[in-house]
Amino acid sequence: MTHHLEFTKRNRSCYADHLLREAHGLEALRHATAGSGLHVPGVLHVDEHILKLPLIQATRCSASHWQTLGEGLAALHAQPHKHFGFDEDNYIGLNPQPNPVSDDWGDFFLRYRLEYQIGLIKDPERRKPFSECLRKHGLRLRDFLDTELPTPSLVHGDLWSGNVLCAEDERVWLIDPAAYFGDPEVDLAMTEMFGAFPSPFYAAYRASRPEPRNWSQKKQIYNLYHYLNHLNIFGQVYLSGCEAGFSLLETI
C-alpha cells in the first residue's frame, strides 16, 4: 500500500458544503487535465469539515514549469463542452458562485458573475452606482462578450499564482479551483490580475490559442468579477479596481 503525506484543509467558511464542492471541482479538473501535462491532486477524503489531499512538495517555478503550464492549460481549454455553467453551484473564495446551465455566455457572465457579486455588497450606497452602471450598460456588455461567442471549456476559475504549485520533478499542479464551463479567456485574465505570469507561460499558451480581439477590454471585464469578489471578502482596498472596471463598461 502507498502511503501519502497528506495536506488537510479545514472548512473555515460559513457554508457546510464548501469543501464538498471544491472536491468536485478538483475531480472534474483532474479528469479533464489527464494527458495534458498538468496535474491535479486526487481527493483522499472529504466531508463537511475537512478536505485531505496528497501533500505537494513545492519549489520555485522555472521557465520550463511555466511553459508546461501554458501548454497544459491550452490543451485543457481546447476541450469543447456543450454549455456554459456547471453541474452544480460552487464557491469563489469564500463566496457562492452560481453556475446554471446556459447557452449565452454574455448573459451568463452578466447575471451570474457581475450582477450576483453586486448583490452581495452589503453597503447600499456602495452597491447603488455599480448596479445602476450595469443596468445602463448591461445589454451592450452582453453583446460585446457574445461578438465572438467562445466555445465553452472547463476553466480553473481562480487562476492566480498561489493556485499553481511547481514540483522538483518538473510537474505542475493546479489547486483550489472554482471550476465551471466558461470562456477560456477568464483564466488568462486572472493570471494578469496580480501581476502577469512569466512570459514562457503566455508564449506556450498563445502558440496554440492566439490572443482574441479586444483582449485589453475583455480581461478587465473578466477581472471585474474577481475585484467585486475581493471587495466583498477583503473590503475597501479593492474598491478602486471595481470602479475602474465599471468605468470601462461605459466605453465598450
C-alpha atoms as a PDB file:
ATOM      1  CA  MET A   1       0.000   0.000   0.000  1.00  0.00           C
ATOM      2  CA  THR A   2       1.202   3.509  -0.886  1.00  0.00           C
ATOM      3  CA  HIS A   3       1.094   5.981   1.979  1.00  0.00           C
ATOM      4  CA  HIS A   4       0.716   9.643   1.069  1.00  0.00           C
ATOM      5  CA  LEU A   5       1.956  12.592   3.023  1.00  0.00           C
ATOM      6  CA  GLU A   6      -1.292  14.444   3.478  1.00  0.00           C
ATOM      7  CA  PHE A   7      -2.384  18.050   3.404  1.00  0.00           C
ATOM      8  CA  THR A   8      -5.547  18.782   5.391  1.00  0.00           C
ATOM      9  CA  LYS A   9      -7.695  21.781   4.540  1.00  0.00           C
ATOM     10  CA  ARG A  10     -10.358  22.793   7.053  1.00  0.00           C
ATOM     11  CA  ASN A  11     -13.666  24.397   6.266  1.00  0.00           C
ATOM     12  CA  ARG A  12     -13.383  27.950   7.573  1.00  0.00           C
ATOM     13  CA  SER A  13     -16.369  29.249   5.621  1.00  0.00           C
ATOM     14  CA  CYS A  14     -19.973  29.514   6.791  1.00  0.00           C
ATOM     15  CA  TYR A  15     -21.116  27.015   4.132  1.00  0.00           C
ATOM     16  CA  ALA A  16     -21.301  23.349   5.128  1.00  0.00           C
ATOM     17  CA  ASP A  17     -20.788  22.104   1.549  1.00  0.00           C
ATOM     18  CA  HIS A  18     -17.829  24.363   0.736  1.00  0.00           C
ATOM     19  CA  LEU A  19     -15.170  21.630   0.729  1.00  0.00           C
ATOM     20  CA  LEU A  20     -17.507  19.121  -0.921  1.00  0.00           C
ATOM     21  CA  ARG A  21     -17.949  21.470  -3.866  1.00  0.00           C
ATOM     22  CA  GLU A  22     -14.219  22.134  -4.008  1.00  0.00           C
ATOM     23  CA  ALA A  23     -13.555  18.391  -4.113  1.00  0.00           C
ATOM     24  CA  HIS A  24     -15.988  18.017  -7.005  1.00  0.00           C
ATOM     25  CA  GLY A  25     -14.205  20.790  -8.898  1.00  0.00           C
ATOM     26  CA  LEU A  26     -10.842  19.156  -8.264  1.00  0.00           C
ATOM     27  CA  GLU A  27     -12.074  15.835  -9.621  1.00  0.00           C
ATOM     28  CA  ALA A  28     -13.571  17.491 -12.724  1.00  0.00           C
ATOM     29  CA  LEU A  29     -10.319  19.322 -13.356  1.00  0.00           C
ATOM     30  CA  ARG A  30      -8.226  16.205 -12.680  1.00  0.00           C
ATOM     31  CA  HIS A  31     -10.225  14.213 -15.212  1.00  0.00           C
ATOM     32  CA  ALA A  32     -10.039  16.964 -17.852  1.00  0.00           C
ATOM     33  CA  THR A  33      -6.279  17.505 -17.480  1.00  0.00           C
ATOM     34  CA  ALA A  34      -5.369  13.827 -17.861  1.00  0.00           C
ATOM     35  CA  GLY A  35      -2.668  13.630 -20.511  1.00  0.00           C
ATOM     36  CA  SER A  36      -2.277  17.424 -20.724  1.00  0.00           C
ATOM     37  CA  GLY A  37       0.956  17.611 -18.748  1.00  0.00           C
ATOM     38  CA  LEU A  38      -0.825  19.269 -15.847  1.00  0.00           C
ATOM     39  CA  HIS A  39      -1.613  17.574 -12.555  1.00  0.00           C
ATOM     40  CA  VAL A  40      -4.414  17.989 -10.048  1.00  0.00           C
ATOM     41  CA  PRO A  41      -4.261  16.293  -6.643  1.00  0.00           C
ATOM     42  CA  GLY A  42      -6.718  13.465  -6.093  1.00  0.00           C
ATOM     43  CA  VAL A  43      -9.102  13.740  -3.180  1.00  0.00           C
ATOM     44  CA  LEU A  44      -8.141  11.357  -0.360  1.00  0.00           C
ATOM     45  CA  HIS A  45     -11.061  12.270   1.883  1.00  0.00           C
ATOM     46  CA  VAL A  46     -13.676  14.989   2.074  1.00  0.00           C
ATOM     47  CA  ASP A  47     -16.561  15.814   4.367  1.00  0.00           C
ATOM     48  CA  GLU A  48     -18.191  18.981   5.640  1.00  0.00           C
ATOM     49  CA  HIS A  49     -15.239  19.749   7.904  1.00  0.00           C
ATOM     50  CA  ILE A  50     -12.026  18.686   6.163  1.00  0.00           C
ATOM     51  CA  LEU A  51     -10.540  18.000   2.744  1.00  0.00           C
ATOM     52  CA  LYS A  52      -7.487  15.726   2.591  1.00  0.00           C
ATOM     53  CA  LEU A  53      -5.160  15.834  -0.408  1.00  0.00           C
ATOM     54  CA  PRO A  54      -1.694  14.476  -1.138  1.00  0.00           C
ATOM     55  CA  LEU A  55       0.954  16.899   0.102  1.00  0.00           C
ATOM     56  CA  ILE A  56       2.784  18.538  -2.798  1.00  0.00           C
ATOM     57  CA  GLN A  57       6.419  19.449  -2.109  1.00  0.00           C
ATOM     58  CA  ALA A  58       6.559  22.733  -3.995  1.00  0.00           C
ATOM     59  CA  THR A  59       9.619  24.578  -5.271  1.00  0.00           C
ATOM     60  CA  ARG A  60      10.208  27.808  -7.166  1.00  0.00           C
ATOM     61  CA  CYS A  61       8.677  27.639 -10.655  1.00  0.00           C
ATOM     62  CA  SER A  62      11.191  27.541 -13.512  1.00  0.00           C
ATOM     63  CA  ALA A  63      10.754  28.645 -17.123  1.00  0.00           C
ATOM     64  CA  SER A  64      10.047  25.033 -18.079  1.00  0.00           C
ATOM     65  CA  HIS A  65       7.349  24.813 -15.399  1.00  0.00           C
ATOM     66  CA  TRP A  66       5.666  27.901 -16.825  1.00  0.00           C
ATOM     67  CA  GLN A  67       5.911  26.505 -20.339  1.00  0.00           C
ATOM     68  CA  THR A  68       4.310  23.263 -19.160  1.00  0.00           C
ATOM     69  CA  LEU A  69       1.515  25.248 -17.544  1.00  0.00           C
ATOM     70  CA  GLY A  70       0.892  27.223 -20.731  1.00  0.00           C
ATOM     71  CA  GLU A  71       0.822  24.139 -22.935  1.00  0.00           C
ATOM     72  CA  GLY A  72      -1.302  22.165 -20.479  1.00  0.00           C
ATOM     73  CA  LEU A  73      -3.811  24.945 -19.947  1.00  0.00           C
ATOM     74  CA  ALA A  74      -4.173  25.380 -23.715  1.00  0.00           C
ATOM     75  CA  ALA A  75      -4.854  21.644 -24.006  1.00  0.00           C
ATOM     76  CA  LEU A  76      -7.474  21.854 -21.254  1.00  0.00           C
ATOM     77  CA  HIS A  77      -9.157  24.821 -22.929  1.00  0.00           C
ATOM     78  CA  ALA A  78      -9.176  23.057 -26.298  1.00  0.00           C
ATOM     79  CA  GLN A  79     -11.698  20.510 -24.987  1.00  0.00           C
ATOM     80  CA  PRO A  80     -15.159  21.782 -26.001  1.00  0.00           C
ATOM     81  CA  HIS A  81     -18.278  21.489 -23.895  1.00  0.00           C
ATOM     82  CA  LYS A  82     -21.914  21.877 -24.930  1.00  0.00           C
ATOM     83  CA  HIS A  83     -22.968  24.540 -22.438  1.00  0.00           C
ATOM     84  CA  PHE A  84     -21.722  27.231 -20.109  1.00  0.00           C
ATOM     85  CA  GLY A  85     -22.184  26.738 -16.363  1.00  0.00           C
ATOM     86  CA  PHE A  86     -21.558  23.568 -14.376  1.00  0.00           C
ATOM     87  CA  ASP A  87     -23.429  20.614 -12.906  1.00  0.00           C
ATOM     88  CA  GLU A  88     -23.579  22.334  -9.514  1.00  0.00           C
ATOM     89  CA  ASP A  89     -23.007  25.691  -7.886  1.00  0.00           C
ATOM     90  CA  ASN A  90     -19.743  26.141  -6.007  1.00  0.00           C
ATOM     91  CA  TYR A  91     -17.613  28.869  -4.462  1.00  0.00           C
ATOM     92  CA  ILE A  92     -15.144  31.533  -5.485  1.00  0.00           C
ATOM     93  CA  GLY A  93     -13.013  32.087  -2.424  1.00  0.00           C
ATOM     94  CA  LEU A  94     -15.457  32.421   0.464  1.00  0.00           C
ATOM     95  CA  ASN A  95     -18.432  33.499  -1.662  1.00  0.00           C
ATOM     96  CA  PRO A  96     -21.008  31.376  -3.512  1.00  0.00           C
ATOM     97  CA  GLN A  97     -20.629  31.036  -7.291  1.00  0.00           C
ATOM     98  CA  PRO A  98     -23.849  30.161  -9.153  1.00  0.00           C
ATOM     99  CA  ASN A  99     -23.348  28.006 -12.263  1.00  0.00           C
ATOM    100  CA  PRO A 100     -26.681  27.459 -14.055  1.00  0.00           C
ATOM    101  CA  VAL A 101     -26.524  25.838 -17.487  1.00  0.00           C
ATOM    102  CA  SER A 102     -26.627  28.455 -20.250  1.00  0.00           C
ATOM    103  CA  ASP A 103     -26.077  28.800 -23.992  1.00  0.00           C
ATOM    104  CA  ASP A 104     -25.482  32.561 -23.822  1.00  0.00           C
ATOM    105  CA  TRP A 105     -22.073  33.459 -22.430  1.00  0.00           C
ATOM    106  CA  GLY A 106     -22.667  37.208 -22.282  1.00  0.00           C
ATOM    107  CA  ASP A 107     -25.913  36.746 -20.371  1.00  0.00           C
ATOM    108  CA  PHE A 108     -24.305  34.166 -18.065  1.00  0.00           C
ATOM    109  CA  PHE A 109     -21.409  36.445 -17.177  1.00  0.00           C
ATOM    110  CA  LEU A 110     -23.641  39.476 -16.748  1.00  0.00           C
ATOM    111  CA  ARG A 111     -26.164  37.761 -14.475  1.00  0.00           C
ATOM    112  CA  TYR A 112     -24.257  35.097 -12.581  1.00  0.00           C
ATOM    113  CA  ARG A 113     -20.903  36.783 -12.225  1.00  0.00           C
ATOM    114  CA  LEU A 114     -21.262  40.578 -12.145  1.00  0.00           C
ATOM    115  CA  GLU A 115     -24.890  41.024 -11.043  1.00  0.00           C
ATOM    116  CA  TYR A 116     -24.563  38.312  -8.431  1.00  0.00           C
ATOM    117  CA  GLN A 117     -21.463  39.862  -6.861  1.00  0.00           C
ATOM    118  CA  ILE A 118     -23.032  43.322  -6.863  1.00  0.00           C
ATOM    119  CA  GLY A 119     -25.941  41.798  -4.963  1.00  0.00           C
ATOM    120  CA  LEU A 120     -23.526  40.621  -2.264  1.00  0.00           C
ATOM    121  CA  ILE A 121     -22.341  44.178  -1.489  1.00  0.00           C
ATOM    122  CA  LYS A 122     -23.814  44.975   1.919  1.00  0.00           C
ATOM    123  CA  ASP A 123     -23.493  48.766   1.803  1.00  0.00           C
ATOM    124  CA  PRO A 124     -26.407  50.104  -0.320  1.00  0.00           C
ATOM    125  CA  GLU A 125     -24.562  53.351  -1.072  1.00  0.00           C
ATOM    126  CA  ARG A 126     -21.608  51.421  -2.466  1.00  0.00           C
ATOM    127  CA  ARG A 127     -23.826  48.944  -4.294  1.00  0.00           C
ATOM    128  CA  LYS A 128     -26.082  51.512  -5.984  1.00  0.00           C
ATOM    129  CA  PRO A 129     -23.691  53.076  -8.548  1.00  0.00           C
ATOM    130  CA  PHE A 130     -22.395  49.665  -9.632  1.00  0.00           C
ATOM    131  CA  SER A 131     -25.921  48.329 -10.014  1.00  0.00           C
ATOM    132  CA  GLU A 132     -27.026  51.379 -12.000  1.00  0.00           C
ATOM    133  CA  CYS A 133     -23.989  51.184 -14.277  1.00  0.00           C
ATOM    134  CA  LEU A 134     -24.654  47.543 -15.058  1.00  0.00           C
ATOM    135  CA  ARG A 135     -28.353  48.230 -15.664  1.00  0.00           C
ATOM    136  CA  LYS A 136     -27.436  51.014 -18.073  1.00  0.00           C
ATOM    137  CA  HIS A 137     -24.695  49.207 -19.975  1.00  0.00           C
ATOM    138  CA  GLY A 138     -25.527  45.538 -19.403  1.00  0.00           C
ATOM    139  CA  LEU A 139     -27.096  44.793 -22.781  1.00  0.00           C
ATOM    140  CA  ARG A 140     -24.121  46.298 -24.578  1.00  0.00           C
ATOM    141  CA  LEU A 141     -21.775  44.291 -22.362  1.00  0.00           C
ATOM    142  CA  ARG A 142     -23.667  41.083 -23.152  1.00  0.00           C
ATOM    143  CA  ASP A 143     -23.448  41.762 -26.888  1.00  0.00           C
ATOM    144  CA  PHE A 144     -19.747  42.645 -26.589  1.00  0.00           C
ATOM    145  CA  LEU A 145     -18.952  39.323 -24.912  1.00  0.00           C
ATOM    146  CA  ASP A 146     -21.044  37.433 -27.466  1.00  0.00           C
ATOM    147  CA  THR A 147     -19.464  39.113 -30.512  1.00  0.00           C
ATOM    148  CA  GLU A 148     -17.121  36.176 -30.982  1.00  0.00           C
ATOM    149  CA  LEU A 149     -19.078  33.619 -28.988  1.00  0.00           C
ATOM    150  CA  PRO A 150     -16.500  31.463 -27.217  1.00  0.00           C
ATOM    151  CA  THR A 151     -16.695  27.701 -27.132  1.00  0.00           C
ATOM    152  CA  PRO A 152     -17.334  26.599 -23.540  1.00  0.00           C
ATOM    153  CA  SER A 153     -14.487  24.748 -21.881  1.00  0.00           C
ATOM    154  CA  LEU A 154     -13.643  23.794 -18.340  1.00  0.00           C
ATOM    155  CA  VAL A 155     -11.828  26.638 -16.608  1.00  0.00           C
ATOM    156  CA  HIS A 156      -9.937  26.651 -13.334  1.00  0.00           C
ATOM    157  CA  GLY A 157     -11.831  29.782 -12.382  1.00  0.00           C
ATOM    158  CA  ASP A 158      -9.350  31.229  -9.857  1.00  0.00           C
ATOM    159  CA  LEU A 159      -6.023  31.006 -11.651  1.00  0.00           C
ATOM    160  CA  TRP A 160      -3.605  33.233  -9.777  1.00  0.00           C
ATOM    161  CA  SER A 161      -0.037  32.249  -8.934  1.00  0.00           C
ATOM    162  CA  GLY A 162      -0.939  30.990  -5.451  1.00  0.00           C
ATOM    163  CA  ASN A 163      -3.022  28.225  -7.013  1.00  0.00           C
ATOM    164  CA  VAL A 164      -0.138  26.922  -9.160  1.00  0.00           C
ATOM    165  CA  LEU A 165       2.422  24.643  -7.473  1.00  0.00           C
ATOM    166  CA  CYS A 166       5.642  23.541  -9.123  1.00  0.00           C
ATOM    167  CA  ALA A 167       7.440  20.379  -8.029  1.00  0.00           C
ATOM    168  CA  GLU A 168      11.100  19.416  -8.301  1.00  0.00           C
ATOM    169  CA  ASP A 169      10.189  16.538 -10.631  1.00  0.00           C
ATOM    170  CA  GLU A 170       9.040  19.188 -13.174  1.00  0.00           C
ATOM    171  CA  ARG A 171       5.350  18.500 -12.586  1.00  0.00           C
ATOM    172  CA  VAL A 172       2.960  21.443 -12.390  1.00  0.00           C
ATOM    173  CA  TRP A 173      -0.061  21.206 -10.106  1.00  0.00           C
ATOM    174  CA  LEU A 174      -3.311  23.159 -10.033  1.00  0.00           C
ATOM    175  CA  ILE A 175      -5.120  23.563  -6.713  1.00  0.00           C
ATOM    176  CA  ASP A 176      -8.129  25.434  -5.251  1.00  0.00           C
ATOM    177  CA  PRO A 177     -10.285  25.648  -8.382  1.00  0.00           C
ATOM    178  CA  ALA A 178     -13.596  27.450  -8.752  1.00  0.00           C
ATOM    179  CA  ALA A 179     -14.343  25.296 -11.785  1.00  0.00           C
ATOM    180  CA  TYR A 180     -17.093  25.784 -14.362  1.00  0.00           C
ATOM    181  CA  PHE A 181     -17.527  25.767 -18.138  1.00  0.00           C
ATOM    182  CA  GLY A 182     -16.888  29.247 -19.491  1.00  0.00           C
ATOM    183  CA  ASP A 183     -14.849  31.356 -21.890  1.00  0.00           C
ATOM    184  CA  PRO A 184     -11.284  30.029 -21.526  1.00  0.00           C
ATOM    185  CA  GLU A 185     -10.011  33.599 -21.527  1.00  0.00           C
ATOM    186  CA  VAL A 186     -11.325  34.129 -17.977  1.00  0.00           C
ATOM    187  CA  ASP A 187      -8.365  32.053 -16.787  1.00  0.00           C
ATOM    188  CA  LEU A 188      -5.915  34.119 -18.829  1.00  0.00           C
ATOM    189  CA  ALA A 189      -7.378  37.337 -17.471  1.00  0.00           C
ATOM    190  CA  MET A 190      -6.984  36.136 -13.888  1.00  0.00           C
ATOM    191  CA  THR A 191      -3.294  35.360 -14.485  1.00  0.00           C
ATOM    192  CA  GLU A 192      -2.754  39.099 -15.037  1.00  0.00           C
ATOM    193  CA  MET A 193      -4.763  40.430 -12.100  1.00  0.00           C
ATOM    194  CA  PHE A 194      -1.946  40.446  -9.528  1.00  0.00           C
ATOM    195  CA  GLY A 195       0.914  40.886 -11.971  1.00  0.00           C
ATOM    196  CA  ALA A 196       1.354  38.724 -15.021  1.00  0.00           C
ATOM    197  CA  PHE A 197       2.786  35.213 -15.054  1.00  0.00           C
ATOM    198  CA  PRO A 198       6.290  34.902 -16.592  1.00  0.00           C
ATOM    199  CA  SER A 199       6.479  35.182 -20.381  1.00  0.00           C
ATOM    200  CA  PRO A 200       7.144  31.451 -21.117  1.00  0.00           C
ATOM    201  CA  PHE A 201       3.598  30.729 -19.918  1.00  0.00           C
ATOM    202  CA  TYR A 202       1.967  33.125 -22.395  1.00  0.00           C
ATOM    203  CA  ALA A 203       4.249  32.131 -25.268  1.00  0.00           C
ATOM    204  CA  ALA A 204       3.343  28.477 -24.782  1.00  0.00           C
ATOM    205  CA  TYR A 205      -0.384  29.145 -24.385  1.00  0.00           C
ATOM    206  CA  ARG A 206      -0.725  31.597 -27.277  1.00  0.00           C
ATOM    207  CA  ALA A 207       1.199  29.302 -29.625  1.00  0.00           C
ATOM    208  CA  SER A 208      -1.996  27.268 -29.971  1.00  0.00           C
ATOM    209  CA  ARG A 209      -4.643  29.714 -28.712  1.00  0.00           C
ATOM    210  CA  PRO A 210      -3.966  33.220 -30.084  1.00  0.00           C
ATOM    211  CA  GLU A 211      -4.989  36.322 -28.189  1.00  0.00           C
ATOM    212  CA  PRO A 212      -8.588  37.325 -29.003  1.00  0.00           C
ATOM    213  CA  ARG A 213      -9.626  40.675 -30.399  1.00  0.00           C
ATOM    214  CA  ASN A 214     -10.444  43.343 -27.815  1.00  0.00           C
ATOM    215  CA  TRP A 215      -8.320  41.458 -25.282  1.00  0.00           C
ATOM    216  CA  SER A 216      -7.331  44.566 -23.326  1.00  0.00           C
ATOM    217  CA  GLN A 217     -11.013  45.273 -22.643  1.00  0.00           C
ATOM    218  CA  LYS A 218     -12.102  41.675 -22.152  1.00  0.00           C
ATOM    219  CA  LYS A 219      -9.526  40.903 -19.496  1.00  0.00           C
ATOM    220  CA  GLN A 220     -10.590  43.947 -17.476  1.00  0.00           C
ATOM    221  CA  ILE A 221     -14.239  42.920 -17.693  1.00  0.00           C
ATOM    222  CA  TYR A 222     -13.451  39.346 -16.655  1.00  0.00           C
ATOM    223  CA  ASN A 223     -11.305  40.540 -13.764  1.00  0.00           C
ATOM    224  CA  LEU A 224     -14.060  42.892 -12.622  1.00  0.00           C
ATOM    225  CA  TYR A 225     -15.768  39.756 -11.320  1.00  0.00           C
ATOM    226  CA  HIS A 226     -12.742  38.986  -9.148  1.00  0.00           C
ATOM    227  CA  TYR A 227     -12.378  42.590  -7.998  1.00  0.00           C
ATOM    228  CA  LEU A 228     -16.007  42.538  -6.856  1.00  0.00           C
ATOM    229  CA  ASN A 229     -15.469  39.221  -5.105  1.00  0.00           C
ATOM    230  CA  HIS A 230     -12.345  40.542  -3.384  1.00  0.00           C
ATOM    231  CA  LEU A 231     -14.216  43.702  -2.400  1.00  0.00           C
ATOM    232  CA  ASN A 232     -16.895  41.553  -0.787  1.00  0.00           C
ATOM    233  CA  ILE A 233     -14.351  39.394   1.043  1.00  0.00           C
ATOM    234  CA  PHE A 234     -11.495  41.776   1.872  1.00  0.00           C
ATOM    235  CA  GLY A 235     -13.078  45.230   1.676  1.00  0.00           C
ATOM    236  CA  GLN A 236     -12.099  48.753   0.656  1.00  0.00           C
ATOM    237  CA  VAL A 237      -8.654  48.001  -0.776  1.00  0.00           C
ATOM    238  CA  TYR A 238     -10.299  46.534  -3.908  1.00  0.00           C
ATOM    239  CA  LEU A 239     -12.783  49.365  -4.459  1.00  0.00           C
ATOM    240  CA  SER A 240     -10.630  51.249  -6.966  1.00  0.00           C
ATOM    241  CA  GLY A 241     -10.267  48.098  -9.097  1.00  0.00           C
ATOM    242  CA  CYS A 242     -14.044  47.771  -9.181  1.00  0.00           C
ATOM    243  CA  GLU A 243     -14.514  51.428 -10.087  1.00  0.00           C
ATOM    244  CA  ALA A 244     -12.005  51.128 -12.941  1.00  0.00           C
ATOM    245  CA  GLY A 245     -13.844  48.097 -14.293  1.00  0.00           C
ATOM    246  CA  PHE A 246     -17.210  49.827 -14.248  1.00  0.00           C
ATOM    247  CA  SER A 247     -15.731  52.900 -15.927  1.00  0.00           C
ATOM    248  CA  LEU A 248     -14.632  50.632 -18.747  1.00  0.00           C
ATOM    249  CA  LEU A 249     -18.222  49.434 -19.270  1.00  0.00           C
ATOM    250  CA  GLU A 250     -19.141  52.949 -20.319  1.00  0.00           C
ATOM    251  CA  THR A 251     -16.680  52.832 -23.217  1.00  0.00           C
ATOM    252  CA  ILE A 252     -17.303  49.456 -24.882  1.00  0.00           C
END
